[in-house]
Structures are given as C-alpha cells and as structure tokens.
Amino acid sequence: MSSDILVFAAAATFVLGYLIINQAALRIMLLIGTGLYIWYYAVVNDTPLWPAIWASGATGLANLIGLSNLFIRRSKWIIPRRDVDIYPSFSALPPGDFRKLMLLARREKHAKDSVLTTVGAAVPDLYYVISGLVDVQKKDGSFTMHRGNFVGEVAFLTNEKASATVVMAEEGELLSWDANQLRARAERDARFRLALDAMISLDLARKVAQAGAPRSTAEGNLDAAV
C-alpha cells in the first residue's frame, strides 16, 4: 500500500509539473517526481529494481543539469564585469542572454567626427551608443541622436546598405558587433537569435513610440534607423 502511495504521489507531481508554465517550477516538480519514482523502485520488491533506478537517476540528473543552467542564465553574477554598468539598459534580457551578446561585442571610445555608417554603403558593424551624441544625416535632413540607441540596426536586419550617414558629434563610448559574426552565431544558436531579435526589437519599438518627437531633439526617433 505504501508503495502505491509513492507511485500516485510521483505521478501527481509530474502532472502538476506539466501544467506549470514556469520552467524552473516545472523542472523542480519533475525532479521531485523522479525522486519519488526512485524511492518506489527501491522498496516495491525485496530486491531494488536497479535498471529502473539507474534509468530514473539518469533522467533526474539531466533535469538537474538543465535546472542549474536555467538558474545560472538568470543570475546576474555571470554578466561580464566590463558590462555590469550597462546591463540596466538591457534588463529585458536575462543575464545569460546578455552575456552571450556582450562576449561578441567590442567596447570602444570613438572620437568626434568618427564615421559609423555612410549612406549607400554596406554596414559591417552594428553599434550601440553608450555615451556621447551622434549626428544622423539623411536626404530629408539631419538630427542628433543621444545615447541608448542602436546605429545600423535596420541595415543589419535587412542586410542592405545604410540609409543614412551617422557621425560622432562628440567623443563617446560605443558597443560594436561584427554584423557577419552576429548573423553566423544567430544561425547556430536559436536562443542567441531570440536574444538578439529581442534586443533590436526593443530599440525599434522605442523609436517608433518616439517617432513624433521634434527632429532637432530626437533621442530615439524612427528616422534614426539606418
């Protein structure tokens, strides 16, 4: 009778786990259920059911590894020390996804008048402005864009040439990614691709929301997309 209770309890935890959307809670419930099944296999007969115990143990270990990776991906301590100060600007991304993106990034100072993109030319790098101002020059006019914006994101997404010339209006610090390296990594890693898409989508959404701002003071104007 006691062994039957173990089976029912294990099955109940599995069912509850599958009904839970939260990945961490789901894995914890499955881990508990696996432990109960192992307990059942150990006591149901006079001799433990070793094949079933080892099989369940292997399943539980795999689940435990996955759970550990999930907690690590959400832990801020894995963020590179160099980039801890800018993580608040990317806080919509889990720390693990942010780390993947930053490991491919170059963090550099750019002097005043440095050209980031040239209208009609290929855009080899994707930029993010950490500090400083940039001048965006388009056919229908120009404006200044402040920190906290991407440069070259539309050209990166469409793999087309730049629609604007972007020049540093003052010295500033930028993140830059090699566009081809980013695309290659995204093709190999679905999670990385989702993180990258989320990062750029948030930037574009902010620019759309601010598209009505005066051209001379736009901090995230949609026209800034190049």
C-alpha atoms as a PDB file:
ATOM      1  CA  MET A   1       0.000   0.000   0.000  1.00  0.00           C
ATOM      2  CA  SER A   2       2.784   2.433   0.895  1.00  0.00           C
ATOM      3  CA  SER A   3       4.469   1.766  -2.439  1.00  0.00           C
ATOM      4  CA  ASP A   4       1.227   2.574  -4.250  1.00  0.00           C
ATOM      5  CA  ILE A   5       1.130   5.933  -2.490  1.00  0.00           C
ATOM      6  CA  LEU A   6       4.638   6.671  -3.777  1.00  0.00           C
ATOM      7  CA  VAL A   7       3.526   5.957  -7.363  1.00  0.00           C
ATOM      8  CA  PHE A   8       0.457   8.163  -7.035  1.00  0.00           C
ATOM      9  CA  ALA A   9       2.489  10.964  -5.452  1.00  0.00           C
ATOM     10  CA  ALA A  10       5.138  10.757  -8.173  1.00  0.00           C
ATOM     11  CA  ALA A  11       2.514  10.793 -10.915  1.00  0.00           C
ATOM     12  CA  ALA A  12       0.769  13.760  -9.274  1.00  0.00           C
ATOM     13  CA  THR A  13       3.971  15.814  -9.206  1.00  0.00           C
ATOM     14  CA  PHE A  14       4.602  15.026 -12.883  1.00  0.00           C
ATOM     15  CA  VAL A  15       1.066  16.066 -13.821  1.00  0.00           C
ATOM     16  CA  LEU A  16       1.331  19.300 -11.811  1.00  0.00           C
ATOM     17  CA  GLY A  17       4.715  19.986 -13.353  1.00  0.00           C
ATOM     18  CA  TYR A  18       3.379  19.645 -16.887  1.00  0.00           C
ATOM     19  CA  LEU A  19       0.578  22.077 -16.028  1.00  0.00           C
ATOM     20  CA  ILE A  20       3.022  24.749 -14.839  1.00  0.00           C
ATOM     21  CA  ILE A  21       4.280  27.270 -17.378  1.00  0.00           C
ATOM     22  CA  ASN A  22       7.248  28.467 -15.319  1.00  0.00           C
ATOM     23  CA  GLN A  23      10.270  26.445 -16.464  1.00  0.00           C
ATOM     24  CA  ALA A  24      12.037  26.420 -13.096  1.00  0.00           C
ATOM     25  CA  ALA A  25       8.921  25.278 -11.207  1.00  0.00           C
ATOM     26  CA  LEU A  26       8.214  22.630 -13.854  1.00  0.00           C
ATOM     27  CA  ARG A  27      11.708  21.172 -13.567  1.00  0.00           C
ATOM     28  CA  ILE A  28      11.556  21.179  -9.766  1.00  0.00           C
ATOM     29  CA  MET A  29       8.272  19.270  -9.820  1.00  0.00           C
ATOM     30  CA  LEU A  30       9.678  16.725 -12.269  1.00  0.00           C
ATOM     31  CA  LEU A  31      12.765  16.352 -10.094  1.00  0.00           C
ATOM     32  CA  ILE A  32      10.585  15.624  -7.051  1.00  0.00           C
ATOM     33  CA  GLY A  33       8.540  13.134  -9.061  1.00  0.00           C
ATOM     34  CA  THR A  34      11.693  11.390 -10.264  1.00  0.00           C
ATOM     35  CA  GLY A  35      12.903  11.100  -6.685  1.00  0.00           C
ATOM     36  CA  LEU A  36       9.609   9.512  -5.650  1.00  0.00           C
ATOM     37  CA  TYR A  37       9.789   7.030  -8.516  1.00  0.00           C
ATOM     38  CA  ILE A  38      13.322   6.059  -7.473  1.00  0.00           C
ATOM     39  CA  TRP A  39      12.078   5.567  -3.933  1.00  0.00           C
ATOM     40  CA  TYR A  40       9.269   3.343  -5.245  1.00  0.00           C
ATOM     41  CA  TYR A  41      11.674   1.231  -7.334  1.00  0.00           C
ATOM     42  CA  ALA A  42      13.849   0.784  -4.252  1.00  0.00           C
ATOM     43  CA  VAL A  43      11.082  -0.539  -1.951  1.00  0.00           C
ATOM     44  CA  VAL A  44       8.465  -2.173  -4.182  1.00  0.00           C
ATOM     45  CA  ASN A  45      10.287  -5.542  -4.124  1.00  0.00           C
ATOM     46  CA  ASP A  46      12.633  -7.242  -1.729  1.00  0.00           C
ATOM     47  CA  THR A  47      15.380  -6.503  -4.270  1.00  0.00           C
ATOM     48  CA  PRO A  48      15.565  -2.937  -5.630  1.00  0.00           C
ATOM     49  CA  LEU A  49      14.743  -2.542  -9.319  1.00  0.00           C
ATOM     50  CA  TRP A  50      18.202  -1.341 -10.251  1.00  0.00           C
ATOM     51  CA  PRO A  51      17.671  -0.883 -14.014  1.00  0.00           C
ATOM     52  CA  ALA A  52      14.668   1.365 -13.327  1.00  0.00           C
ATOM     53  CA  ILE A  53      16.559   3.197 -10.571  1.00  0.00           C
ATOM     54  CA  TRP A  54      19.552   3.889 -12.816  1.00  0.00           C
ATOM     55  CA  ALA A  55      17.333   4.986 -15.702  1.00  0.00           C
ATOM     56  CA  SER A  56      15.349   7.337 -13.474  1.00  0.00           C
ATOM     57  CA  GLY A  57      18.563   8.581 -11.887  1.00  0.00           C
ATOM     58  CA  ALA A  58      19.957   9.471 -15.309  1.00  0.00           C
ATOM     59  CA  THR A  59      16.721  11.311 -16.176  1.00  0.00           C
ATOM     60  CA  GLY A  60      16.849  13.182 -12.879  1.00  0.00           C
ATOM     61  CA  LEU A  61      20.497  14.134 -13.396  1.00  0.00           C
ATOM     62  CA  ALA A  62      19.760  15.525 -16.861  1.00  0.00           C
ATOM     63  CA  ASN A  63      16.864  17.510 -15.417  1.00  0.00           C
ATOM     64  CA  LEU A  64      19.082  18.801 -12.590  1.00  0.00           C
ATOM     65  CA  ILE A  65      21.705  19.976 -15.090  1.00  0.00           C
ATOM     66  CA  GLY A  66      19.021  21.762 -17.090  1.00  0.00           C
ATOM     67  CA  LEU A  67      17.657  23.380 -13.925  1.00  0.00           C
ATOM     68  CA  SER A  68      21.142  24.533 -12.928  1.00  0.00           C
ATOM     69  CA  ASN A  69      21.696  26.069 -16.364  1.00  0.00           C
ATOM     70  CA  LEU A  70      18.349  27.832 -16.075  1.00  0.00           C
ATOM     71  CA  PHE A  71      19.280  29.403 -12.727  1.00  0.00           C
ATOM     72  CA  ILE A  72      22.755  30.327 -13.999  1.00  0.00           C
ATOM     73  CA  ARG A  73      21.263  32.016 -17.077  1.00  0.00           C
ATOM     74  CA  ARG A  74      19.134  34.168 -14.758  1.00  0.00           C
ATOM     75  CA  SER A  75      21.942  35.012 -12.335  1.00  0.00           C
ATOM     76  CA  LYS A  76      23.471  38.484 -12.661  1.00  0.00           C
ATOM     77  CA  TRP A  77      26.858  37.308 -11.422  1.00  0.00           C
ATOM     78  CA  ILE A  78      27.589  35.760 -14.833  1.00  0.00           C
ATOM     79  CA  ILE A  79      27.472  39.184 -16.505  1.00  0.00           C
ATOM     80  CA  PRO A  80      30.998  40.199 -17.644  1.00  0.00           C
ATOM     81  CA  ARG A  81      32.439  42.690 -15.161  1.00  0.00           C
ATOM     82  CA  ARG A  82      33.186  45.069 -18.026  1.00  0.00           C
ATOM     83  CA  ASP A  83      29.492  45.377 -18.853  1.00  0.00           C
ATOM     84  CA  VAL A  84      27.801  45.383 -15.432  1.00  0.00           C
ATOM     85  CA  ASP A  85      27.245  49.137 -15.640  1.00  0.00           C
ATOM     86  CA  ILE A  86      25.249  48.961 -18.885  1.00  0.00           C
ATOM     87  CA  TYR A  87      23.110  45.923 -18.058  1.00  0.00           C
ATOM     88  CA  PRO A  88      20.227  48.126 -16.781  1.00  0.00           C
ATOM     89  CA  SER A  89      19.834  49.366 -20.368  1.00  0.00           C
ATOM     90  CA  PHE A  90      19.352  45.736 -21.477  1.00  0.00           C
ATOM     91  CA  SER A  91      17.493  44.472 -18.399  1.00  0.00           C
ATOM     92  CA  ALA A  92      14.696  42.999 -20.553  1.00  0.00           C
ATOM     93  CA  LEU A  93      17.201  40.274 -21.471  1.00  0.00           C
ATOM     94  CA  PRO A  94      18.070  37.515 -18.984  1.00  0.00           C
ATOM     95  CA  PRO A  95      21.671  37.875 -17.771  1.00  0.00           C
ATOM     96  CA  GLY A  96      22.731  34.726 -19.647  1.00  0.00           C
ATOM     97  CA  ASP A  97      21.462  36.039 -22.985  1.00  0.00           C
ATOM     98  CA  PHE A  98      23.028  39.436 -22.288  1.00  0.00           C
ATOM     99  CA  ARG A  99      26.351  37.715 -21.576  1.00  0.00           C
ATOM    100  CA  LYS A 100      26.274  35.913 -24.930  1.00  0.00           C
ATOM    101  CA  LEU A 101      25.735  39.179 -26.756  1.00  0.00           C
ATOM    102  CA  MET A 102      28.406  41.052 -24.826  1.00  0.00           C
ATOM    103  CA  LEU A 103      31.053  38.376 -25.344  1.00  0.00           C
ATOM    104  CA  LEU A 104      30.902  39.183 -29.068  1.00  0.00           C
ATOM    105  CA  ALA A 105      30.893  42.953 -28.541  1.00  0.00           C
ATOM    106  CA  ARG A 106      33.760  45.419 -28.666  1.00  0.00           C
ATOM    107  CA  ARG A 107      33.510  48.318 -26.221  1.00  0.00           C
ATOM    108  CA  GLU A 108      35.457  51.254 -27.605  1.00  0.00           C
ATOM    109  CA  LYS A 109      35.879  55.023 -27.416  1.00  0.00           C
ATOM    110  CA  HIS A 110      35.119  56.866 -30.649  1.00  0.00           C
ATOM    111  CA  ALA A 111      36.482  60.340 -31.334  1.00  0.00           C
ATOM    112  CA  LYS A 112      34.411  63.255 -32.530  1.00  0.00           C
ATOM    113  CA  ASP A 113      33.714  63.138 -36.302  1.00  0.00           C
ATOM    114  CA  SER A 114      34.231  59.345 -36.455  1.00  0.00           C
ATOM    115  CA  VAL A 115      32.014  57.951 -39.220  1.00  0.00           C
ATOM    116  CA  LEU A 116      29.903  54.982 -38.159  1.00  0.00           C
ATOM    117  CA  THR A 117      27.844  54.477 -41.315  1.00  0.00           C
ATOM    118  CA  THR A 118      27.800  56.074 -44.755  1.00  0.00           C
ATOM    119  CA  VAL A 119      24.625  56.382 -46.799  1.00  0.00           C
ATOM    120  CA  GLY A 120      24.575  53.914 -49.672  1.00  0.00           C
ATOM    121  CA  ALA A 121      27.484  51.883 -48.256  1.00  0.00           C
ATOM    122  CA  ALA A 122      27.489  48.480 -46.625  1.00  0.00           C
ATOM    123  CA  VAL A 123      27.209  48.420 -42.822  1.00  0.00           C
ATOM    124  CA  PRO A 124      29.805  45.970 -41.476  1.00  0.00           C
ATOM    125  CA  ASP A 125      29.087  46.676 -37.796  1.00  0.00           C
ATOM    126  CA  LEU A 126      26.098  47.110 -35.527  1.00  0.00           C
ATOM    127  CA  TYR A 127      26.585  49.842 -32.903  1.00  0.00           C
ATOM    128  CA  TYR A 128      25.042  50.781 -29.582  1.00  0.00           C
ATOM    129  CA  VAL A 129      25.700  54.258 -28.184  1.00  0.00           C
ATOM    130  CA  ILE A 130      26.700  54.047 -24.513  1.00  0.00           C
ATOM    131  CA  SER A 131      27.680  57.703 -24.193  1.00  0.00           C
ATOM    132  CA  GLY A 132      28.026  60.726 -26.438  1.00  0.00           C
ATOM    133  CA  LEU A 133      25.964  62.150 -29.285  1.00  0.00           C
ATOM    134  CA  VAL A 134      25.753  61.133 -32.931  1.00  0.00           C
ATOM    135  CA  ASP A 135      24.623  63.150 -35.946  1.00  0.00           C
ATOM    136  CA  VAL A 136      22.278  61.330 -38.311  1.00  0.00           C
ATOM    137  CA  GLN A 137      22.313  62.788 -41.818  1.00  0.00           C
ATOM    138  CA  LYS A 138      19.589  61.719 -44.258  1.00  0.00           C
ATOM    139  CA  LYS A 139      18.330  63.038 -47.570  1.00  0.00           C
ATOM    140  CA  ASP A 140      15.448  64.896 -45.935  1.00  0.00           C
ATOM    141  CA  GLY A 141      17.502  66.473 -43.171  1.00  0.00           C
ATOM    142  CA  SER A 142      19.591  65.685 -40.117  1.00  0.00           C
ATOM    143  CA  PHE A 143      19.216  65.413 -36.370  1.00  0.00           C
ATOM    144  CA  THR A 144      21.137  64.459 -33.251  1.00  0.00           C
ATOM    145  CA  MET A 145      20.638  61.125 -31.538  1.00  0.00           C
ATOM    146  CA  HIS A 146      21.524  60.614 -27.892  1.00  0.00           C
ATOM    147  CA  ARG A 147      22.932  57.648 -26.018  1.00  0.00           C
ATOM    148  CA  GLY A 148      20.930  54.464 -25.535  1.00  0.00           C
ATOM    149  CA  ASN A 149      20.235  53.813 -29.215  1.00  0.00           C
ATOM    150  CA  PHE A 150      21.446  51.381 -31.843  1.00  0.00           C
ATOM    151  CA  VAL A 151      23.035  52.503 -35.083  1.00  0.00           C
ATOM    152  CA  GLY A 152      22.822  50.281 -38.161  1.00  0.00           C
ATOM    153  CA  GLU A 153      20.080  48.009 -36.840  1.00  0.00           C
ATOM    154  CA  VAL A 154      17.825  48.196 -39.907  1.00  0.00           C
ATOM    155  CA  ALA A 155      20.733  47.585 -42.275  1.00  0.00           C
ATOM    156  CA  PHE A 156      21.706  44.640 -40.091  1.00  0.00           C
ATOM    157  CA  LEU A 157      18.212  43.140 -40.117  1.00  0.00           C
ATOM    158  CA  THR A 158      17.663  43.635 -43.850  1.00  0.00           C
ATOM    159  CA  ASN A 159      21.293  43.045 -44.885  1.00  0.00           C
ATOM    160  CA  GLU A 160      21.032  46.155 -47.057  1.00  0.00           C
ATOM    161  CA  LYS A 161      23.106  49.329 -47.340  1.00  0.00           C
ATOM    162  CA  ALA A 162      22.877  52.249 -44.923  1.00  0.00           C
ATOM    163  CA  SER A 163      20.062  54.750 -45.427  1.00  0.00           C
ATOM    164  CA  ALA A 164      21.910  57.484 -43.523  1.00  0.00           C
ATOM    165  CA  THR A 165      25.352  58.788 -42.691  1.00  0.00           C
ATOM    166  CA  VAL A 166      25.995  58.654 -38.957  1.00  0.00           C
ATOM    167  CA  VAL A 167      28.887  60.617 -37.443  1.00  0.00           C
ATOM    168  CA  MET A 168      30.007  61.065 -33.842  1.00  0.00           C
ATOM    169  CA  ALA A 169      29.014  64.598 -32.818  1.00  0.00           C
ATOM    170  CA  GLU A 170      31.268  64.334 -29.788  1.00  0.00           C
ATOM    171  CA  GLU A 171      33.573  61.773 -28.252  1.00  0.00           C
ATOM    172  CA  GLY A 172      31.660  58.820 -26.876  1.00  0.00           C
ATOM    173  CA  GLU A 173      31.748  55.164 -25.955  1.00  0.00           C
ATOM    174  CA  LEU A 174      30.104  52.569 -28.156  1.00  0.00           C
ATOM    175  CA  LEU A 175      29.468  48.854 -28.284  1.00  0.00           C
ATOM    176  CA  SER A 176      30.070  47.369 -31.707  1.00  0.00           C
ATOM    177  CA  TRP A 177      29.414  43.929 -33.139  1.00  0.00           C
ATOM    178  CA  ASP A 178      30.693  42.482 -36.396  1.00  0.00           C
ATOM    179  CA  ALA A 179      27.482  42.035 -38.399  1.00  0.00           C
ATOM    180  CA  ASN A 180      28.587  38.855 -40.177  1.00  0.00           C
ATOM    181  CA  GLN A 181      29.750  37.300 -36.910  1.00  0.00           C
ATOM    182  CA  LEU A 182      26.403  38.102 -35.303  1.00  0.00           C
ATOM    183  CA  ARG A 183      24.464  36.543 -38.182  1.00  0.00           C
ATOM    184  CA  ALA A 184      26.627  33.416 -38.141  1.00  0.00           C
ATOM    185  CA  ARG A 185      26.189  32.996 -34.385  1.00  0.00           C
ATOM    186  CA  ALA A 186      22.424  33.524 -34.680  1.00  0.00           C
ATOM    187  CA  GLU A 187      22.191  30.772 -37.290  1.00  0.00           C
ATOM    188  CA  ARG A 188      23.909  28.306 -34.951  1.00  0.00           C
ATOM    189  CA  ASP A 189      22.171  29.261 -31.705  1.00  0.00           C
ATOM    190  CA  ALA A 190      18.389  29.695 -31.628  1.00  0.00           C
ATOM    191  CA  ARG A 191      18.436  31.186 -28.113  1.00  0.00           C
ATOM    192  CA  PHE A 192      21.087  33.687 -29.144  1.00  0.00           C
ATOM    193  CA  ARG A 193      18.989  34.657 -32.177  1.00  0.00           C
ATOM    194  CA  LEU A 194      15.953  35.251 -29.974  1.00  0.00           C
ATOM    195  CA  ALA A 195      18.006  37.416 -27.595  1.00  0.00           C
ATOM    196  CA  LEU A 196      19.419  39.416 -30.484  1.00  0.00           C
ATOM    197  CA  ASP A 197      15.993  39.899 -32.063  1.00  0.00           C
ATOM    198  CA  ALA A 198      14.547  40.960 -28.708  1.00  0.00           C
ATOM    199  CA  MET A 199      17.330  43.488 -28.163  1.00  0.00           C
ATOM    200  CA  ILE A 200      16.870  45.125 -31.567  1.00  0.00           C
ATOM    201  CA  SER A 201      13.066  44.930 -31.439  1.00  0.00           C
ATOM    202  CA  LEU A 202      13.008  46.836 -28.150  1.00  0.00           C
ATOM    203  CA  ASP A 203      15.142  49.555 -29.688  1.00  0.00           C
ATOM    204  CA  LEU A 204      12.914  49.825 -32.772  1.00  0.00           C
ATOM    205  CA  ALA A 205       9.779  49.844 -30.616  1.00  0.00           C
ATOM    206  CA  ARG A 206      11.170  52.730 -28.567  1.00  0.00           C
ATOM    207  CA  LYS A 207      11.995  54.655 -31.729  1.00  0.00           C
ATOM    208  CA  VAL A 208       8.501  54.078 -33.096  1.00  0.00           C
ATOM    209  CA  ALA A 209       6.993  55.289 -29.812  1.00  0.00           C
ATOM    210  CA  GLN A 210       9.089  58.455 -30.006  1.00  0.00           C
ATOM    211  CA  ALA A 211       8.628  58.969 -33.748  1.00  0.00           C
ATOM    212  CA  GLY A 212       6.611  62.100 -33.122  1.00  0.00           C
ATOM    213  CA  ALA A 213       9.419  63.870 -31.246  1.00  0.00           C
ATOM    214  CA  PRO A 214      10.787  67.079 -32.788  1.00  0.00           C
ATOM    215  CA  ARG A 215      13.503  66.273 -35.309  1.00  0.00           C
ATOM    216  CA  SER A 216      16.060  68.554 -33.681  1.00  0.00           C
ATOM    217  CA  THR A 217      15.834  66.842 -30.297  1.00  0.00           C
ATOM    218  CA  ALA A 218      15.009  63.259 -31.173  1.00  0.00           C
ATOM    219  CA  GLU A 219      16.607  60.756 -28.813  1.00  0.00           C
ATOM    220  CA  GLY A 220      15.131  57.670 -30.408  1.00  0.00           C
ATOM    221  CA  ASN A 221      13.321  58.932 -33.485  1.00  0.00           C
ATOM    222  CA  LEU A 222      12.347  56.300 -36.025  1.00  0.00           C
ATOM    223  CA  ASP A 223      14.352  58.271 -38.604  1.00  0.00           C
ATOM    224  CA  ALA A 224      17.440  57.255 -36.650  1.00  0.00           C
ATOM    225  CA  ALA A 225      17.186  53.735 -38.042  1.00  0.00           C
ATOM    226  CA  VAL A 226      19.937  53.175 -40.582  1.00  0.00           C
END
